[in-house]
Protein backbone atom coordinates (compact mmCIF):
# COMPACT_ATOMS: atom_id res chain seq x y z
CA MET A 1 -24.45 -32.63 -103.40
CA SER A 2 -21.36 -31.11 -101.86
CA GLN A 3 -20.41 -31.75 -98.21
CA LYS A 4 -18.38 -29.38 -96.01
CA ILE A 5 -15.56 -31.00 -94.17
CA LYS A 6 -14.75 -29.20 -90.86
CA ARG A 7 -11.03 -28.98 -90.29
CA GLY A 8 -9.11 -28.26 -87.15
CA GLY A 9 -11.42 -30.19 -84.79
CA LYS A 10 -10.15 -31.72 -81.54
CA SER A 11 -8.36 -34.93 -81.84
CA VAL A 12 -9.11 -37.93 -79.70
CA ARG A 13 -6.04 -37.29 -77.55
CA LYS A 14 -6.99 -33.69 -76.83
CA THR A 15 -10.49 -34.70 -75.95
CA ALA A 16 -9.21 -37.35 -73.55
CA ALA A 17 -6.76 -34.87 -71.94
CA ALA A 18 -9.52 -32.28 -71.45
CA GLN A 19 -11.75 -34.86 -69.86
CA GLY A 20 -8.92 -35.93 -67.55
CA LYS A 21 -8.31 -32.36 -66.41
CA ALA A 22 -12.03 -31.89 -65.80
CA ARG A 23 -12.06 -34.97 -63.60
CA GLN A 24 -9.03 -33.71 -61.62
CA VAL A 25 -10.65 -30.30 -61.06
CA LYS A 26 -13.83 -31.94 -59.93
CA ALA A 27 -11.94 -34.19 -57.50
CA ALA A 28 -9.96 -31.24 -56.10
CA ARG A 29 -13.16 -29.26 -55.57
CA ALA A 30 -14.67 -32.22 -53.79
CA ARG A 31 -11.64 -32.53 -51.49
CA THR A 32 -11.58 -28.79 -50.77
CA GLY A 33 -15.29 -28.67 -50.10
CA SER A 34 -15.13 -31.60 -47.71
CA ALA A 35 -12.18 -29.97 -45.82
CA MET A 36 -14.03 -26.67 -45.51
CA ASP A 37 -17.15 -28.49 -44.39
CA ALA A 38 -15.09 -30.25 -41.71
CA VAL A 39 -13.66 -26.94 -40.50
CA MET A 40 -17.07 -25.27 -40.49
CA SER A 41 -18.50 -28.13 -38.48
CA TRP A 42 -16.06 -27.31 -35.67
CA VAL A 43 -16.89 -23.57 -35.62
CA PRO A 44 -19.73 -22.81 -33.13
CA PHE A 45 -21.31 -20.27 -35.48
CA SER A 46 -23.69 -20.52 -38.34
CA GLU A 47 -22.80 -19.17 -41.77
CA SER A 48 -25.01 -16.09 -41.25
CA GLN A 49 -23.39 -15.39 -37.89
CA LEU A 50 -19.94 -15.59 -39.45
CA HIS A 51 -21.00 -13.11 -42.09
CA ARG A 52 -22.13 -10.67 -39.38
CA ILE A 53 -18.87 -11.13 -37.43
CA PHE A 54 -16.73 -10.42 -40.48
CA LEU A 55 -18.90 -7.41 -41.31
CA ALA A 56 -18.49 -6.06 -37.74
CA MET A 57 -14.73 -6.49 -37.97
CA ILE A 58 -14.59 -4.63 -41.25
CA LEU A 59 -16.73 -1.78 -39.86
CA GLY A 60 -14.65 -1.62 -36.67
CA GLY A 61 -11.45 -1.34 -38.66
CA ALA A 62 -13.02 1.44 -40.71
CA VAL A 63 -14.00 3.33 -37.54
CA VAL A 64 -10.47 3.01 -36.09
CA LEU A 65 -8.97 4.22 -39.33
CA ALA A 66 -11.38 7.17 -39.41
CA TRP A 67 -10.51 8.06 -35.80
CA MET A 68 -6.79 7.99 -36.57
CA VAL A 69 -7.28 10.26 -39.54
CA ALA A 70 -9.46 12.62 -37.46
CA SER A 71 -6.85 12.67 -34.66
CA PHE A 72 -4.11 13.63 -37.08
CA ALA A 73 -6.39 16.35 -38.40
CA GLY A 74 -7.05 17.72 -34.86
CA VAL A 75 -10.78 17.03 -34.83
CA PRO A 76 -10.98 15.71 -31.19
CA ALA A 77 -9.16 18.81 -29.87
CA MET A 78 -11.53 21.04 -31.78
CA ALA A 79 -14.49 19.10 -30.36
CA GLN A 80 -13.16 19.50 -26.80
CA GLN A 81 -12.71 23.24 -27.29
CA GLN A 82 -16.23 23.51 -28.61
CA LEU A 83 -17.56 21.50 -25.66
CA ALA A 84 -15.67 23.75 -23.23
CA ALA A 85 -17.09 26.88 -24.87
CA ILE A 86 -20.63 25.52 -24.70
CA SER A 87 -20.17 24.56 -21.01
CA HIS A 88 -18.85 28.03 -20.16
CA ASP A 89 -21.81 29.65 -21.86
CA ALA A 90 -24.20 27.39 -19.92
CA GLY A 91 -22.50 28.18 -16.57
CA PHE A 92 -20.97 24.70 -16.11
CA GLU A 93 -17.52 25.75 -14.92
CA VAL A 94 -15.58 25.34 -11.65
CA ARG A 95 -16.31 28.28 -9.36
CA ARG A 96 -16.47 26.66 -5.88
CA VAL A 97 -14.61 23.88 -4.05
CA ASN A 98 -16.09 22.13 -1.01
CA VAL A 99 -13.57 20.25 1.17
CA SER A 100 -14.59 17.90 3.99
CA GLY A 101 -12.89 15.36 6.26
CA THR A 102 -9.78 17.39 7.12
CA LYS A 103 -8.63 17.66 10.72
CA ASN A 104 -4.84 17.71 10.72
CA LEU A 105 -4.26 18.37 7.02
CA ASN A 106 -3.81 21.98 5.99
CA GLU A 107 -6.82 22.68 3.74
CA LEU A 108 -4.88 25.30 1.80
CA LYS A 109 -2.91 22.50 0.15
CA VAL A 110 -6.16 20.93 -1.03
CA TYR A 111 -7.49 24.24 -2.36
CA GLN A 112 -4.24 24.94 -4.18
CA LEU A 113 -4.58 21.67 -6.07
CA ALA A 114 -8.30 22.02 -6.72
CA LEU A 115 -8.24 25.67 -7.76
CA ALA A 116 -5.81 24.85 -10.55
CA ASP A 117 -9.03 23.93 -12.38
CA ASN A 118 -10.75 27.20 -11.42
CA HIS A 119 -13.03 28.50 -14.20
CA ARG A 120 -12.42 25.35 -16.20
CA ALA A 121 -15.43 23.73 -17.84
CA MET A 122 -16.82 21.03 -15.57
CA PRO A 123 -16.70 18.27 -18.23
CA MET A 124 -13.03 19.07 -18.81
CA VAL A 125 -11.92 18.58 -15.17
CA ASP A 126 -9.80 15.44 -14.84
CA ILE A 127 -11.22 13.93 -11.65
CA GLU A 128 -8.77 11.01 -11.49
CA ALA A 129 -5.73 13.25 -12.00
CA LEU A 130 -6.88 15.55 -9.18
CA ARG A 131 -7.45 12.57 -6.89
CA GLY A 132 -3.95 11.30 -7.65
CA LYS A 133 -2.46 14.67 -6.62
CA LEU A 134 -4.44 14.59 -3.37
CA LEU A 135 -3.26 11.06 -2.54
CA ALA A 136 0.32 12.33 -2.82
CA LEU A 137 -0.24 14.54 0.27
CA SER A 138 1.29 12.98 3.38
CA TRP A 139 -1.85 13.10 5.53
CA VAL A 140 -4.23 11.72 2.88
CA GLU A 141 -5.06 8.02 3.05
CA ASP A 142 -7.93 8.25 0.55
CA ALA A 143 -9.76 10.97 -1.37
CA ARG A 144 -13.04 11.18 -3.26
CA VAL A 145 -13.59 13.88 -5.86
CA SER A 146 -16.94 14.49 -7.56
CA ARG A 147 -18.68 17.13 -9.64
CA GLN A 148 -21.72 18.91 -8.25
CA LEU A 149 -23.30 20.70 -11.17
CA PRO A 150 -23.35 23.39 -12.20
CA ASP A 151 -20.16 24.85 -10.68
CA THR A 152 -18.85 22.93 -7.61
CA LEU A 153 -16.13 20.39 -6.99
CA ALA A 154 -16.72 18.26 -3.85
CA ILE A 155 -13.61 16.78 -2.21
CA ASP A 156 -13.89 14.33 0.70
CA ILE A 157 -10.61 13.54 2.47
CA VAL A 158 -9.90 10.45 4.60
CA GLU A 159 -6.92 11.27 6.81
CA ARG A 160 -4.28 8.92 8.16
CA LYS A 161 -4.34 8.44 11.94
CA PRO A 162 -1.18 9.40 13.86
CA ALA A 163 0.10 6.51 15.98
CA ALA A 164 3.52 7.55 17.29
CA VAL A 165 6.41 9.97 16.98
CA LEU A 166 9.55 8.69 15.28
CA ARG A 167 12.78 10.07 16.67
CA LYS A 168 15.31 10.76 13.92
CA PRO A 169 18.85 12.10 14.36
CA ASP A 170 17.80 15.63 13.41
CA LYS A 171 14.04 15.82 13.99
CA LEU A 172 10.85 14.27 15.34
CA VAL A 173 8.34 12.96 12.79
CA LEU A 174 4.71 12.01 13.35
CA ILE A 175 3.90 8.62 11.76
CA ASP A 176 0.87 6.37 11.39
CA ALA A 177 0.58 2.68 12.28
CA THR A 178 2.22 1.62 9.00
CA GLY A 179 5.25 3.86 9.54
CA HIS A 180 4.12 6.39 6.91
CA GLU A 181 5.58 9.78 7.79
CA LEU A 182 2.95 12.48 8.26
CA GLN A 183 4.86 15.60 9.22
CA ALA A 184 7.73 16.88 11.35
CA VAL A 185 6.72 18.02 14.84
CA SER A 186 8.33 20.01 17.60
CA ALA A 187 9.30 18.52 20.96
CA ALA A 188 6.43 20.42 22.57
CA ARG A 189 3.90 18.88 20.20
CA ALA A 190 5.42 15.43 20.63
CA LYS A 191 4.99 15.64 24.40
CA GLY A 192 2.48 13.10 25.67
CA LYS A 193 2.76 10.92 22.54
CA LEU A 194 4.58 7.60 22.34
CA VAL A 195 8.06 8.18 20.93
CA ILE A 196 9.88 5.35 19.13
CA ALA A 197 13.50 5.23 18.02
CA GLY A 198 16.00 2.94 16.36
CA PRO A 199 16.60 1.75 12.78
CA GLY A 200 13.46 0.16 11.38
CA ALA A 201 11.30 1.23 14.32
CA GLY A 202 8.77 2.93 12.06
CA GLN A 203 7.73 -0.44 10.60
CA GLN A 204 7.25 -1.95 14.07
CA VAL A 205 4.47 0.33 15.37
CA GLU A 206 1.74 -2.30 15.09
CA ALA A 207 3.95 -4.91 16.77
CA LEU A 208 4.72 -2.46 19.58
CA ASN A 209 1.02 -1.73 20.11
CA ALA A 210 0.36 -5.47 20.34
CA LEU A 211 3.17 -5.81 22.88
CA LEU A 212 1.88 -2.98 25.06
CA GLY A 213 -1.61 -4.40 24.75
CA ALA A 214 -0.39 -7.50 26.61
CA ALA A 215 0.03 -5.37 29.74
CA PRO A 216 -2.55 -2.54 29.56
CA ALA A 217 -1.49 -1.17 32.96
CA MET A 218 2.02 -0.48 31.63
CA LYS A 219 0.98 1.23 28.40
CA PRO A 220 0.21 4.69 29.92
CA GLN A 221 3.55 4.55 31.76
CA VAL A 222 5.67 4.09 28.61
CA ALA A 223 7.17 7.32 27.25
CA GLU A 224 9.55 5.94 24.63
CA ALA A 225 10.38 2.64 22.97
CA GLU A 226 13.70 1.87 21.28
CA TRP A 227 13.92 -0.88 18.65
CA VAL A 228 17.33 -2.47 19.34
CA GLY A 229 19.25 -4.43 16.72
CA ASN A 230 16.10 -4.98 14.67
CA ARG A 231 15.10 -7.71 17.13
CA ARG A 232 13.83 -6.44 20.51
CA TRP A 233 12.57 -3.44 22.54
CA ASN A 234 13.90 -1.23 25.31
CA LEU A 235 11.03 0.61 27.01
CA THR A 236 11.62 3.92 28.77
CA PHE A 237 8.96 4.81 31.33
CA LYS A 238 7.83 8.27 32.31
CA THR A 239 9.93 7.89 35.46
CA GLY A 240 13.04 7.69 33.27
CA GLN A 241 13.63 4.03 34.11
CA ILE A 242 14.42 1.56 31.31
CA LEU A 243 13.15 -1.98 30.83
CA ALA A 244 15.12 -4.27 28.48
CA LEU A 245 12.84 -6.94 27.01
CA PRO A 246 13.89 -10.22 25.35
CA GLU A 247 13.60 -11.10 21.67
CA GLY A 248 10.46 -12.61 20.20
CA GLU A 249 6.84 -11.51 20.38
CA GLU A 250 5.76 -14.19 22.85
CA SER A 251 8.82 -13.86 25.11
CA SER A 252 8.68 -10.06 25.23
CA ALA A 253 4.93 -10.04 25.97
CA LYS A 254 5.39 -12.60 28.74
CA ALA A 255 8.26 -10.58 30.24
CA LEU A 256 6.23 -7.36 30.17
CA MET A 257 3.28 -9.03 31.90
CA THR A 258 5.65 -10.41 34.56
CA PHE A 259 7.11 -6.96 35.10
CA ALA A 260 3.62 -5.50 35.44
CA ARG A 261 2.81 -8.04 38.19
CA LEU A 262 6.10 -7.32 39.98
CA ASP A 263 5.48 -3.60 39.78
CA GLY A 264 2.03 -4.07 41.21
CA VAL A 265 3.49 -5.88 44.22
CA ASN A 266 6.83 -4.11 44.71
CA ARG A 267 6.28 -0.72 43.06
CA LEU A 268 9.35 -0.94 40.86
CA LEU A 269 8.52 2.19 38.88
CA GLY A 270 9.67 5.23 40.80
CA GLY A 271 11.99 3.14 42.95
CA LYS A 272 15.78 3.15 43.31
CA ALA A 273 16.53 1.05 40.24
CA LEU A 274 17.56 2.92 37.08
CA ALA A 275 16.98 0.01 34.73
CA PHE A 276 15.53 -3.50 34.62
CA ASP A 277 16.90 -6.29 32.42
CA MET A 278 14.54 -9.17 31.65
CA ARG A 279 16.34 -10.64 28.67
CA ALA A 280 17.35 -13.72 30.67
CA PRO A 281 14.49 -16.24 31.01
CA ASP A 282 12.72 -16.30 34.40
CA ARG A 283 15.09 -13.71 35.85
CA ILE A 284 15.21 -9.95 36.29
CA TYR A 285 18.32 -7.87 36.89
CA PHE A 286 18.44 -4.36 38.32
CA ARG A 287 20.81 -1.51 37.67
CA LEU A 288 21.03 0.64 40.79
CA VAL A 289 22.04 4.27 41.20
CA ASN A 290 25.48 3.42 42.59
CA ARG A 291 26.27 0.99 39.76
CA THR A 292 27.54 1.77 36.26
CA ASP A 293 26.79 -1.54 34.56
CA ALA A 294 25.28 -1.10 31.12
CA ILE A 295 21.93 -2.67 30.33
CA GLU A 296 23.41 -4.55 27.39
CA GLN A 297 25.80 -7.11 28.99
CA PRO A 298 27.47 -10.23 27.59
CA PRO A 299 25.53 -13.38 28.47
CA LEU A 300 26.83 -15.07 31.62
CA SER A 301 27.45 -18.78 31.91
CA THR A 302 25.52 -20.73 34.52
CA LYS A 303 28.44 -20.90 36.99
CA THR A 304 29.35 -17.24 36.52
CA ALA A 305 25.74 -16.18 36.91
CA ASP A 306 25.37 -18.20 40.11
CA ALA A 307 28.56 -16.68 41.50
CA ALA A 308 27.45 -13.21 40.56
CA GLU A 309 24.14 -13.74 42.28
CA THR A 310 25.90 -14.98 45.45
CA LYS A 311 28.32 -12.03 45.57
CA LYS A 312 25.96 -9.30 44.29
CA PRO A 313 22.52 -9.37 45.83
CA ALA A 314 21.50 -6.43 43.63
CA ASP A 315 21.50 -8.78 40.62
CA SER A 316 19.21 -11.41 42.14
CA ALA A 317 15.59 -12.06 41.29
CA ALA A 318 13.15 -9.20 41.68
CA PRO A 319 11.61 -9.89 45.14
CA ALA A 320 15.00 -10.55 46.80
CA THR A 321 16.56 -7.53 45.14
CA LYS A 322 13.73 -5.34 46.28
CA LYS A 323 14.39 -6.32 49.88
CA ASN A 324 18.09 -5.59 49.48
CA GLU A 325 17.32 -2.18 48.02
CA GLU A 326 15.12 -1.37 51.01
CA LYS A 327 17.90 -2.40 53.36
CA ASN A 328 20.42 -0.18 51.54
């Protein structure tokens, strides 16, 4: 009998090498699997949840890509035009504007802004953009804009409250408590309102109101307040007399209350004195009709002040000065 001898079979070395490679691959797979298992153990999701997350991400990316392609093709603009046409046909377009809450603001300015959307489809009206334009008006503190279907825009205005009149070099301006300028006013319209002046005075309205609140009896008598040197107030009363107050909120309030008490006893307002200076602690100085001393004077030393008080009774404390004025 003949026997076939198979040639070209694997040698012992090749077989050993193949087995070695198989063992290495198996070990690498084991290491990789254990590393992945360790990572997966730290992730707070199950395998099925991860599959859904990755699927959602893929779908989201596809939607974004489709939207970008549609935008380049002009599809959203076409959809808006179609929506506008349908709204017009159904009667949902701006035909009326209702404005409420205005007292000082000229309503024509509101209508001019709102009627820019006249006969525009209601869904196409940019409510936030219109509100932003309204807030740019000087009198408007807040504004609410809403649609009232089928054809009305409702606008509710919250106005700023005028607090004083700011005197500028060339005009008078009505301002609110924050110093926001509302509108220019004539001298006739400013009459009867508190007028303030001086650099930075517009930002001191609330502080001035607090100061005048310390002496309520004086508040109706004050016609104008000047903010001097960004540090203190000069008050001008309706009688034309001027009161120079010291620096500091507490010191100025205390001085104004003292002046109110002195006025209640001695009737300083309407008297012979043109001005009162209370910048020195616990002392009040008068400027009389026959004197030309300015209200703002250099500070006197103790000896000079004592000598001045001895020689010039008009510059003594309020009660003594009042008696001297009556004698003169």
